[in-house]
Amino acid sequence: MMKNVKLLFAAFGMMTLMASCASLTPFTEELYEENGWSDDELQRIQFYLSKEIVLYRQKKEADSKISDGKIRMKDGRELEEIIIKKRTPGVFEFKKDDSELFVVSFDVDGRHLTFGSNPKMNGKYTLRAKEWDKRSGRGKVTYGEDEFNVVPGSGYATLMVNLKKMQKVNVKSRKAKGRTVN
């Protein structure tokens, strides 16, 4: 009996997890334009990442700044690596240079990344970089005060939103009493 109850709770937990994950939808140019959200409204939307983003940079020998990222050695060089996992929540900070490029922060220290509508991906808001090397798939971004390289594949990371939560609408309803001819 106890084994069946545990199994039932495990199955319920998995269904709940799957239902919560399934409700994330790509944030697209079409969604943004249809709703006409202001910057204040965008700041109230919870954004998520569709896939992991990995940033890395070689630390300068004289660079003794302590950072939150991981530091590792590769070929005798010291690298700083920052991993932003899939489904990490982020918040809209502002639009870059009054454009449609969104600056989104996934870190409590205010460091942020830029996302914009990508016509090659049906208008999804994908990671933007200062430059992309098409052959290697690597990009360069500014994260905080430092410039980082982006590992191949991270450029396909898109902003996601919980559309069910966003579509909750308050409806004021009343019943018409009707009219009769005098």
Foldseek 3Di string as FASTA:
>chain_A
DVVVVVVVVVVVVVVVVVVVVVLKDFDFPVNCVVVVDDLVRQQVFKKWKQAKWKWKDFDDPPDPDDDPFDWDADPNTIMGMDMDGGGQIWGWDDAPPPDQWTWIDSDPVPWTFIWFQDVVVVGGTWTDAPDADVVQQKGWHDTPNDIIIIHHPNRRMTMIGRVVVVPDDDDDDDDDPDDDDD
